Every structure is written in structure tokens, then in C-alpha cells.
Amino acid sequence: IAITPKLCADLIAQRGADPDRVIVAHDGIRESRFVDAPDGLTARRALGWDDAAFIVGFVGRLQMIGMDKGVGTLVEASAQVDGAHLALVGGPDDMAEQYRQMWIKLGKPEAQFLYVGHVPPHAVPQYLRAFDVCAMPHPRTTQFAYYTSPLKLFEYMASHSAVVASDLPAWADVVTDGETALLVPPSDVGALADAIQKLKDDPTLRQHLADNAYQSVMADYTWSARAEAILQHIQSA
């Protein structure tokens, strides 16, 4: 059985499956989409974004089958970081407008709220490269904590930008706090703001996290690496 994430595999084992016949196979990325992605400065200039801005970004639908992904928490946290810009790439438009109004009510300049809307898949790496920080502010729900292996995480890791994410069991075996990402308690605005501020103040840390995450995803979380791991597991079984 190939299953993701790890906690699903544990559940199957608890119900009597032979653990040796189960492999955790997370989602991943197509390597070719990212190896030729532009550097951050080139990406920003192509998008018309400020070279010197500190940009925290989120890519994807702002909800999943009606479930909040914590973007409101990200808006509040980013607003606490002086000079931070917040970029949302996705939709729907009406929800993005609610977040824009929230940003303005928090006293932040409208020009520092960068809403892009939906973009074609081939454009996603360019936007990710233009971010200083890629954010996954998911709340702790049963779905996100136990049954999700988001493509977003692996594309963030492949972007060569730093990742900040909620500390949830579903991806605890993928990223390590302080090594490949900064992990924060879910729905904790203050902790998320502190992590973003830390990344803003420490470019060396951002580069450290980005480099480690990139190496990890390219080694273990490409679709080809996933397929090879599954095949090897089948052969060994």
C-alpha cells in the first residue's frame, strides 16, 4: 500500500495491515518546472514588484472545500511586521477582497497588499521565486493535521524561498523546524508574526532554510523519486 501522510499509514497498521507492506508516499513536484525558474530579482522585475520589498506570499485557493486555510491569520501576522508586503496568488476574488479590506483596516498601505488572482500552472514558480517567504498558515483541523500532503509545501520547498508553516503532524516527517522551514503553532498570530520578523531580520537564515529545503525536495519529493521509492518498496516486499 502506498499512502500519505504518515499518520494514515499508522492508522492502517493499527487496523491490522502489515507495516512492512505500507509505504508513506507524499505528494511532490515535477523537477523540470523549477530547475530553470528565474532568480528572485529577475522574477520580481518581470512581475513589476519592488526589488527591495520584503514579500511574504501564499499561493493557492484561499479555501479548500469550504475550509479556511489560515490566510486571515497570515494577514494579521504579516501586518505586524513593519514594511512587509503580502502577496496572494489564487482566489476566489471575493475572498481576496475581504483580506485586502482586513489589511487596510489593520493600518497597512494598500500598495503593500499584492493580489494577483489565478495564474496558469507554468507561472507559479516565477511567483514563488519572487517571494522572500512562502507561507502555509493552515489551522489545526482533522483534515489538515492528519490527512493532507499539500502540493503547496513541496512547490514552496522547490522555489528556493524560505518556508514558514504551521506545525502539523501531516508534514512533520517532511520539514524540520530551523533546518528546512520555520514551524509555528497553528492559528497563533503572534508566533507567526515573530517567525516572519525573524526571517525578515536574518537573510542568512532565509538562505539556509531555502537551500536545505530545495536539496530535500529535489532528492526525495520529485514525482520520479516518489515512483522509484514505491517500486523499490514493491520489489522488496
Protein backbone atom coordinates (compact mmCIF):
# COMPACT_ATOMS: atom_id res chain seq x y z
CA ILE A 1 0.00 0.00 0.00
CA ALA A 2 1.31 3.46 -0.90
CA ILE A 3 -0.33 6.11 1.23
CA THR A 4 0.17 9.63 2.50
CA PRO A 5 0.69 11.10 5.02
CA LYS A 6 2.43 9.03 7.68
CA LEU A 7 -0.45 9.16 10.15
CA CYS A 8 -2.72 7.48 7.60
CA ALA A 9 -0.16 4.70 7.33
CA ASP A 10 -0.10 4.38 11.12
CA LEU A 11 -3.90 4.13 11.16
CA ILE A 12 -3.88 1.34 8.59
CA ALA A 13 -1.27 -0.54 10.62
CA GLN A 14 -3.42 -0.18 13.75
CA ARG A 15 -6.25 -1.84 11.85
CA GLY A 16 -4.19 -4.90 11.12
CA ALA A 17 -2.19 -4.17 7.98
CA ASP A 18 1.39 -5.40 7.87
CA PRO A 19 3.52 -2.24 8.41
CA ASP A 20 6.23 -3.71 6.20
CA ARG A 21 3.82 -3.65 3.28
CA VAL A 22 2.92 0.04 3.72
CA ILE A 23 4.98 2.95 2.40
CA VAL A 24 4.43 6.66 3.01
CA ALA A 25 4.44 8.36 -0.38
CA HIS A 26 3.94 12.10 -0.07
CA ASP A 27 2.96 14.32 -2.97
CA GLY A 28 5.78 16.02 -4.82
CA ILE A 29 6.89 18.25 -7.67
CA ARG A 30 7.88 17.96 -11.31
CA GLU A 31 11.53 18.88 -11.20
CA SER A 32 11.61 20.46 -14.66
CA ARG A 33 9.18 23.18 -13.56
CA PHE A 34 11.69 24.56 -11.08
CA VAL A 35 15.23 23.91 -12.26
CA ASP A 36 15.04 26.72 -14.82
CA ALA A 37 12.97 29.13 -12.72
CA PRO A 38 14.30 32.71 -12.73
CA ASP A 39 16.22 34.09 -9.77
CA GLY A 40 14.29 36.21 -7.31
CA LEU A 41 15.34 39.59 -8.69
CA THR A 42 14.56 38.62 -12.28
CA ALA A 43 11.18 37.26 -11.21
CA ARG A 44 10.28 40.45 -9.36
CA ARG A 45 11.24 42.71 -12.22
CA ALA A 46 9.18 40.64 -14.65
CA LEU A 47 6.19 41.00 -12.32
CA GLY A 48 6.76 44.70 -11.70
CA TRP A 49 7.34 44.22 -7.97
CA ASP A 50 9.74 46.31 -5.90
CA ASP A 51 13.30 44.92 -5.88
CA ALA A 52 13.81 45.82 -2.22
CA ALA A 53 10.42 44.83 -0.79
CA PHE A 54 10.17 42.06 1.80
CA ILE A 55 7.41 39.87 0.40
CA VAL A 56 5.51 37.16 2.26
CA GLY A 57 3.48 35.07 -0.17
CA PHE A 58 0.73 32.48 -0.34
CA VAL A 59 -0.15 30.54 -3.49
CA GLY A 60 -3.32 28.53 -3.98
CA ARG A 61 -7.03 28.63 -3.35
CA LEU A 62 -7.83 30.62 -0.23
CA GLN A 63 -10.18 27.89 0.96
CA MET A 64 -10.31 24.13 0.43
CA ILE A 65 -13.82 22.66 0.03
CA GLY A 66 -15.11 25.39 2.29
CA MET A 67 -12.34 25.06 4.88
CA ASP A 68 -10.29 28.06 5.92
CA LYS A 69 -6.56 27.74 5.17
CA GLY A 70 -5.48 30.28 7.76
CA VAL A 71 -4.95 33.16 5.33
CA GLY A 72 -6.65 35.55 7.75
CA THR A 73 -4.04 34.57 10.35
CA LEU A 74 -1.35 35.29 7.76
CA VAL A 75 -2.84 38.73 7.03
CA GLU A 76 -2.85 39.64 10.72
CA ALA A 77 0.66 38.31 11.31
CA SER A 78 2.19 39.98 8.25
CA ALA A 79 0.59 43.28 9.26
CA GLN A 80 2.62 43.15 12.48
CA VAL A 81 5.91 43.09 10.57
CA ASP A 82 6.96 46.60 9.67
CA GLY A 83 7.47 47.03 5.94
CA ALA A 84 6.23 43.57 4.98
CA HIS A 85 4.30 43.14 1.75
CA LEU A 86 1.72 40.35 1.49
CA ALA A 87 1.18 38.61 -1.85
CA LEU A 88 -1.78 36.31 -2.53
CA VAL A 89 -1.74 34.29 -5.73
CA GLY A 90 -5.01 32.44 -6.22
CA GLY A 91 -8.63 33.12 -5.42
CA PRO A 92 -11.54 33.49 -5.29
CA ASP A 93 -11.63 37.23 -5.84
CA ASP A 94 -14.35 37.98 -3.29
CA MET A 95 -12.43 36.30 -0.50
CA ALA A 96 -9.22 38.06 -1.53
CA GLU A 97 -11.11 41.35 -1.33
CA GLN A 98 -12.10 40.54 2.25
CA TYR A 99 -8.44 40.01 3.09
CA ARG A 100 -7.48 43.24 1.34
CA GLN A 101 -10.03 45.13 3.46
CA MET A 102 -8.68 43.42 6.59
CA TRP A 103 -5.16 44.53 5.64
CA ILE A 104 -6.27 48.14 5.21
CA LYS A 105 -8.24 48.12 8.49
CA LEU A 106 -5.07 46.97 10.22
CA GLY A 107 -3.48 50.22 9.09
CA LYS A 108 -1.30 48.82 6.34
CA PRO A 109 -0.74 50.54 2.99
CA GLU A 110 -2.93 49.14 0.25
CA ALA A 111 0.11 49.15 -2.07
CA GLN A 112 1.71 46.52 0.16
CA PHE A 113 -1.13 44.06 -0.49
CA LEU A 114 -0.30 42.29 -3.73
CA TYR A 115 -3.25 40.31 -5.02
CA VAL A 116 -2.66 38.52 -8.29
CA GLY A 117 -5.62 36.19 -8.72
CA HIS A 118 -5.39 32.92 -10.58
CA VAL A 119 -2.35 32.26 -12.74
CA PRO A 120 -1.58 29.35 -15.08
CA PRO A 121 0.45 26.49 -13.56
CA HIS A 122 3.56 27.31 -15.59
CA ALA A 123 3.67 30.79 -13.98
CA VAL A 124 3.62 29.55 -10.38
CA PRO A 125 7.41 29.05 -10.00
CA GLN A 126 8.04 32.66 -11.06
CA TYR A 127 5.76 33.98 -8.33
CA LEU A 128 7.26 31.67 -5.72
CA ARG A 129 10.76 32.85 -6.64
CA ALA A 130 9.63 36.46 -6.20
CA PHE A 131 8.71 35.82 -2.55
CA ASP A 132 11.12 36.15 0.35
CA VAL A 133 8.92 33.86 2.44
CA CYS A 134 6.36 31.25 1.36
CA ALA A 135 3.66 30.78 4.00
CA MET A 136 1.49 27.79 4.95
CA PRO A 137 -0.65 29.12 7.82
CA HIS A 138 -3.10 26.21 7.95
CA PRO A 139 -5.20 25.83 11.12
CA ARG A 140 -5.22 22.61 13.07
CA THR A 141 -8.20 20.70 11.74
CA THR A 142 -8.59 16.96 11.32
CA GLN A 143 -8.12 17.32 7.57
CA PHE A 144 -5.01 19.47 7.66
CA ALA A 145 -3.42 17.79 10.68
CA TYR A 146 -3.84 14.18 9.59
CA TYR A 147 -4.97 13.69 6.00
CA THR A 148 -3.17 16.26 3.87
CA SER A 149 0.03 16.14 1.86
CA PRO A 150 -0.20 19.52 0.12
CA LEU A 151 1.45 20.11 -3.23
CA LYS A 152 1.92 23.64 -1.96
CA LEU A 153 4.54 22.56 0.58
CA PHE A 154 6.69 20.78 -1.98
CA GLU A 155 6.43 23.59 -4.53
CA TYR A 156 7.39 26.05 -1.79
CA MET A 157 10.43 23.92 -0.98
CA ALA A 158 11.40 23.80 -4.66
CA SER A 159 11.11 27.58 -5.02
CA HIS A 160 14.37 28.33 -3.22
CA SER A 161 12.48 30.73 -0.93
CA ALA A 162 12.22 30.30 2.84
CA VAL A 163 9.15 28.46 4.16
CA VAL A 164 7.15 29.23 7.31
CA ALA A 165 4.39 26.76 8.13
CA SER A 166 2.00 25.67 10.81
CA ASP A 167 3.47 22.86 12.89
CA LEU A 168 1.14 19.99 11.98
CA PRO A 169 1.64 16.21 12.08
CA ALA A 170 0.75 15.76 8.41
CA TRP A 171 4.08 17.17 7.27
CA ALA A 172 6.21 16.66 10.39
CA ASP A 173 8.19 13.98 8.54
CA VAL A 174 8.86 16.33 5.60
CA VAL A 175 10.15 19.57 7.14
CA THR A 176 12.22 20.20 10.27
CA ASP A 177 12.00 23.41 12.26
CA GLY A 178 15.11 25.53 11.85
CA GLU A 179 16.50 23.32 9.10
CA THR A 180 14.09 23.28 6.17
CA ALA A 181 11.37 25.62 7.49
CA LEU A 182 10.25 27.63 10.48
CA LEU A 183 7.31 25.88 12.14
CA VAL A 184 4.82 27.74 14.33
CA PRO A 185 1.75 26.76 16.37
CA PRO A 186 -1.35 26.78 14.14
CA SER A 187 -3.58 29.89 14.30
CA ASP A 188 -1.09 31.70 16.57
CA VAL A 189 -0.85 35.18 15.06
CA GLY A 190 1.92 36.31 17.39
CA ALA A 191 4.11 33.26 16.76
CA LEU A 192 3.65 33.57 13.01
CA ALA A 193 4.47 37.28 13.14
CA ASP A 194 7.60 36.54 15.18
CA ALA A 195 8.72 33.92 12.66
CA ILE A 196 8.18 36.29 9.72
CA GLN A 197 10.03 39.04 11.57
CA LYS A 198 12.90 36.64 12.29
CA LEU A 199 13.15 35.78 8.59
CA LYS A 200 12.99 39.45 7.62
CA ASP A 201 15.82 40.31 10.00
CA ASP A 202 18.04 37.37 9.10
CA PRO A 203 18.77 36.88 5.37
CA THR A 204 21.34 34.21 6.25
CA LEU A 205 18.65 32.13 7.95
CA ARG A 206 16.35 32.58 4.97
CA GLN A 207 19.07 31.30 2.66
CA HIS A 208 19.88 28.40 4.99
CA LEU A 209 16.26 27.25 5.10
CA ALA A 210 15.79 27.75 1.36
CA ASP A 211 18.92 25.81 0.42
CA ASN A 212 18.13 22.89 2.72
CA ALA A 213 14.50 22.69 1.61
CA TYR A 214 15.49 22.76 -2.07
CA GLN A 215 18.03 19.98 -1.60
CA SER A 216 15.49 17.90 0.32
CA VAL A 217 12.65 18.24 -2.20
CA MET A 218 14.87 17.57 -5.20
CA ALA A 219 16.33 14.46 -3.55
CA ASP A 220 13.18 12.92 -2.09
CA TYR A 221 9.99 14.60 -3.27
CA THR A 222 10.03 14.73 -7.04
CA TRP A 223 7.45 12.57 -8.79
CA SER A 224 10.23 10.40 -10.20
CA ALA A 225 11.74 9.90 -6.72
CA ARG A 226 8.28 9.02 -5.41
CA ALA A 227 7.72 6.45 -8.15
CA GLU A 228 11.16 4.93 -7.62
CA ALA A 229 10.57 4.62 -3.87
CA ILE A 230 7.24 2.87 -4.46
CA LEU A 231 8.76 0.48 -7.00
CA GLN A 232 11.63 -0.36 -4.65
CA HIS A 233 9.13 -0.99 -1.86
CA ILE A 234 7.10 -3.34 -4.06
CA GLN A 235 10.23 -5.21 -5.10
CA SER A 236 11.46 -5.56 -1.52
CA ALA A 237 8.06 -6.82 -0.37
